[in-house]
Amino acid sequence: MVRAKFACLSARKHKHWDTQKGFLYEYEFSAVSGTSEENKSFWEASPCGSLKLSTVKDDLFEVGKEYYLDFTLA
């Protein structure tokens, strides 16, 4: 497993192309920077990265909060 740490930069609400589903929620993330001791450690291992995620559920992530992202082989 590889663990990364990302900060949520933005959250947007868009009309879903399938009108029965209502809306899509798009979240943008960036790799954390060295603002805390833990973040400095993550930044040294992976100083850049970005992620865009769209969901049909609202309120999954909060702008300004940090989240771990675990990668495991499927």
N, C-alpha and C. Protein backbone atom coordinates (compact mmCIF):
# COMPACT_ATOMS: atom_id res chain seq x y z
N MET A 1 0.84 -1.19 0.00
CA MET A 1 0.00 0.00 0.00
C MET A 1 0.88 1.24 0.00
N VAL A 2 0.43 2.26 -0.69
CA VAL A 2 1.07 3.58 -0.68
C VAL A 2 0.04 4.58 -0.19
N ARG A 3 0.43 5.42 0.75
CA ARG A 3 -0.49 6.42 1.30
C ARG A 3 -0.02 7.81 0.85
N ALA A 4 -0.96 8.58 0.35
CA ALA A 4 -0.71 9.97 -0.03
C ALA A 4 -1.64 10.85 0.80
N LYS A 5 -1.35 12.13 0.84
CA LYS A 5 -2.20 13.06 1.59
C LYS A 5 -2.50 14.25 0.69
N PHE A 6 -3.79 14.53 0.53
CA PHE A 6 -4.25 15.59 -0.36
C PHE A 6 -5.15 16.57 0.38
N ALA A 7 -5.14 17.80 -0.08
CA ALA A 7 -6.02 18.83 0.46
C ALA A 7 -7.10 19.14 -0.57
N CYS A 8 -8.33 19.29 -0.12
CA CYS A 8 -9.45 19.63 -1.01
C CYS A 8 -9.39 21.13 -1.32
N LEU A 9 -9.25 21.45 -2.60
CA LEU A 9 -9.13 22.84 -3.03
C LEU A 9 -10.45 23.46 -3.44
N SER A 10 -11.33 22.64 -4.03
CA SER A 10 -12.60 23.20 -4.50
C SER A 10 -13.66 22.12 -4.57
N ALA A 11 -14.89 22.57 -4.51
CA ALA A 11 -16.07 21.71 -4.66
C ALA A 11 -17.06 22.45 -5.54
N ARG A 12 -17.52 21.79 -6.59
CA ARG A 12 -18.46 22.42 -7.52
C ARG A 12 -19.66 21.52 -7.75
N LYS A 13 -20.78 22.12 -8.00
CA LYS A 13 -22.01 21.39 -8.30
C LYS A 13 -22.38 21.67 -9.76
N HIS A 14 -22.60 20.59 -10.53
CA HIS A 14 -22.95 20.70 -11.95
C HIS A 14 -24.22 19.89 -12.21
N LYS A 15 -24.98 20.30 -13.19
CA LYS A 15 -26.12 19.50 -13.65
C LYS A 15 -25.60 18.19 -14.21
N HIS A 16 -26.17 17.08 -13.80
CA HIS A 16 -25.80 15.76 -14.31
C HIS A 16 -26.35 15.62 -15.72
N TRP A 17 -25.59 14.97 -16.60
CA TRP A 17 -26.06 14.78 -17.97
C TRP A 17 -27.31 13.90 -18.01
N ASP A 18 -27.46 13.02 -17.01
CA ASP A 18 -28.67 12.20 -16.88
C ASP A 18 -29.60 12.97 -15.93
N THR A 19 -30.59 13.63 -16.46
CA THR A 19 -31.43 14.53 -15.66
C THR A 19 -32.12 13.84 -14.49
N GLN A 20 -32.29 12.52 -14.55
CA GLN A 20 -32.92 11.80 -13.44
C GLN A 20 -31.99 11.74 -12.21
N LYS A 21 -30.70 11.89 -12.43
CA LYS A 21 -29.75 11.83 -11.31
C LYS A 21 -29.54 13.19 -10.67
N GLY A 22 -29.98 14.25 -11.30
CA GLY A 22 -29.88 15.58 -10.70
C GLY A 22 -28.56 16.28 -10.93
N PHE A 23 -27.59 16.08 -10.02
CA PHE A 23 -26.35 16.84 -10.08
C PHE A 23 -25.12 15.94 -9.94
N LEU A 24 -24.00 16.46 -10.43
CA LEU A 24 -22.68 15.88 -10.19
C LEU A 24 -21.94 16.84 -9.26
N TYR A 25 -21.13 16.28 -8.38
CA TYR A 25 -20.33 17.09 -7.46
C TYR A 25 -18.87 16.81 -7.78
N GLU A 26 -18.17 17.87 -8.16
CA GLU A 26 -16.78 17.73 -8.60
C GLU A 26 -15.86 18.32 -7.54
N TYR A 27 -14.88 17.53 -7.13
CA TYR A 27 -13.92 17.95 -6.11
C TYR A 27 -12.53 17.95 -6.71
N GLU A 28 -11.74 18.98 -6.39
CA GLU A 28 -10.35 19.05 -6.84
C GLU A 28 -9.44 19.04 -5.62
N PHE A 29 -8.36 18.25 -5.73
CA PHE A 29 -7.41 18.08 -4.64
C PHE A 29 -5.99 18.34 -5.13
N SER A 30 -5.12 18.71 -4.19
CA SER A 30 -3.70 18.88 -4.47
C SER A 30 -2.92 18.22 -3.35
N ALA A 31 -1.74 17.70 -3.67
CA ALA A 31 -0.87 17.12 -2.64
C ALA A 31 -0.58 18.18 -1.58
N VAL A 32 -0.49 17.74 -0.32
CA VAL A 32 -0.27 18.69 0.77
C VAL A 32 1.13 19.29 0.68
N SER A 33 1.27 20.47 1.26
CA SER A 33 2.58 21.11 1.34
C SER A 33 3.09 20.99 2.78
N GLY A 34 4.29 21.46 3.02
CA GLY A 34 4.92 21.29 4.31
C GLY A 34 4.48 22.26 5.39
N THR A 35 3.19 22.25 5.74
CA THR A 35 2.69 23.18 6.77
C THR A 35 2.71 22.58 8.17
N SER A 36 2.80 21.25 8.29
CA SER A 36 2.91 20.57 9.58
C SER A 36 4.03 19.55 9.46
N GLU A 37 4.47 18.99 10.56
CA GLU A 37 5.54 17.98 10.50
C GLU A 37 5.11 16.79 9.64
N GLU A 38 3.86 16.32 9.80
CA GLU A 38 3.38 15.21 8.99
C GLU A 38 3.34 15.61 7.52
N ASN A 39 2.83 16.80 7.23
CA ASN A 39 2.73 17.24 5.83
C ASN A 39 4.11 17.42 5.21
N LYS A 40 5.08 17.86 5.99
CA LYS A 40 6.45 17.99 5.47
C LYS A 40 6.97 16.62 5.03
N SER A 41 6.66 15.60 5.81
CA SER A 41 7.08 14.24 5.47
C SER A 41 6.43 13.78 4.17
N PHE A 42 5.12 14.01 4.01
CA PHE A 42 4.44 13.66 2.77
C PHE A 42 4.99 14.46 1.59
N TRP A 43 5.25 15.75 1.81
CA TRP A 43 5.74 16.62 0.75
C TRP A 43 7.11 16.18 0.25
N GLU A 44 7.97 15.72 1.16
CA GLU A 44 9.30 15.25 0.75
C GLU A 44 9.20 14.02 -0.15
N ALA A 45 8.20 13.16 0.09
CA ALA A 45 8.05 11.94 -0.71
C ALA A 45 7.29 12.19 -2.01
N SER A 46 6.33 13.10 -2.00
CA SER A 46 5.51 13.37 -3.21
C SER A 46 5.13 14.84 -3.22
N PRO A 47 6.06 15.70 -3.69
CA PRO A 47 5.84 17.14 -3.62
C PRO A 47 4.78 17.70 -4.55
N CYS A 48 4.31 16.92 -5.52
CA CYS A 48 3.24 17.46 -6.35
C CYS A 48 2.30 16.34 -6.75
N GLY A 49 1.08 16.72 -7.00
CA GLY A 49 0.06 15.77 -7.42
C GLY A 49 -1.28 16.47 -7.42
N SER A 50 -2.17 16.01 -8.27
CA SER A 50 -3.51 16.58 -8.32
C SER A 50 -4.51 15.46 -8.57
N LEU A 51 -5.72 15.71 -8.15
CA LEU A 51 -6.78 14.73 -8.28
C LEU A 51 -8.09 15.46 -8.52
N LYS A 52 -8.87 14.97 -9.46
CA LYS A 52 -10.22 15.48 -9.69
C LYS A 52 -11.16 14.30 -9.59
N LEU A 53 -12.21 14.46 -8.79
CA LEU A 53 -13.15 13.37 -8.53
C LEU A 53 -14.56 13.90 -8.68
N SER A 54 -15.38 13.19 -9.44
CA SER A 54 -16.80 13.55 -9.57
C SER A 54 -17.64 12.46 -8.93
N THR A 55 -18.67 12.86 -8.20
CA THR A 55 -19.56 11.92 -7.54
C THR A 55 -21.00 12.36 -7.74
N VAL A 56 -21.94 11.48 -7.42
CA VAL A 56 -23.35 11.86 -7.44
C VAL A 56 -23.84 12.16 -6.02
N LYS A 57 -22.95 12.05 -5.04
CA LYS A 57 -23.28 12.36 -3.65
C LYS A 57 -22.67 13.70 -3.26
N ASP A 58 -23.42 14.47 -2.53
CA ASP A 58 -22.98 15.78 -2.06
C ASP A 58 -22.31 15.64 -0.69
N ASP A 59 -21.52 16.63 -0.32
CA ASP A 59 -20.93 16.74 1.01
C ASP A 59 -20.00 15.60 1.39
N LEU A 60 -19.29 15.03 0.43
CA LEU A 60 -18.32 13.98 0.76
C LEU A 60 -17.01 14.57 1.26
N PHE A 61 -16.64 15.73 0.73
CA PHE A 61 -15.37 16.37 1.08
C PHE A 61 -15.62 17.84 1.37
N GLU A 62 -14.76 18.41 2.21
CA GLU A 62 -14.90 19.81 2.59
C GLU A 62 -13.67 20.60 2.15
N VAL A 63 -13.90 21.70 1.47
CA VAL A 63 -12.80 22.55 1.00
C VAL A 63 -11.97 23.00 2.20
N GLY A 64 -10.66 22.90 2.04
CA GLY A 64 -9.73 23.30 3.09
C GLY A 64 -9.32 22.17 4.02
N LYS A 65 -10.00 21.04 3.95
CA LYS A 65 -9.66 19.88 4.78
C LYS A 65 -8.68 18.97 4.05
N GLU A 66 -7.92 18.19 4.80
CA GLU A 66 -6.95 17.27 4.23
C GLU A 66 -7.43 15.83 4.38
N TYR A 67 -7.08 14.99 3.38
CA TYR A 67 -7.55 13.61 3.33
C TYR A 67 -6.41 12.68 2.93
N TYR A 68 -6.40 11.49 3.53
CA TYR A 68 -5.46 10.46 3.11
C TYR A 68 -6.04 9.74 1.89
N LEU A 69 -5.15 9.34 1.01
CA LEU A 69 -5.54 8.57 -0.17
C LEU A 69 -4.65 7.33 -0.19
N ASP A 70 -5.26 6.18 0.01
CA ASP A 70 -4.52 4.92 0.05
C ASP A 70 -4.63 4.19 -1.28
N PHE A 71 -3.48 3.81 -1.83
CA PHE A 71 -3.42 3.05 -3.07
C PHE A 71 -3.08 1.62 -2.73
N THR A 72 -3.95 0.70 -3.12
CA THR A 72 -3.69 -0.72 -2.94
C THR A 72 -3.90 -1.41 -4.27
N LEU A 73 -3.14 -2.44 -4.51
CA LEU A 73 -3.27 -3.18 -5.74
C LEU A 73 -4.64 -3.85 -5.81
N ALA A 74 -5.32 -3.69 -6.94
CA ALA A 74 -6.66 -4.28 -7.10
C ALA A 74 -6.56 -5.68 -7.64
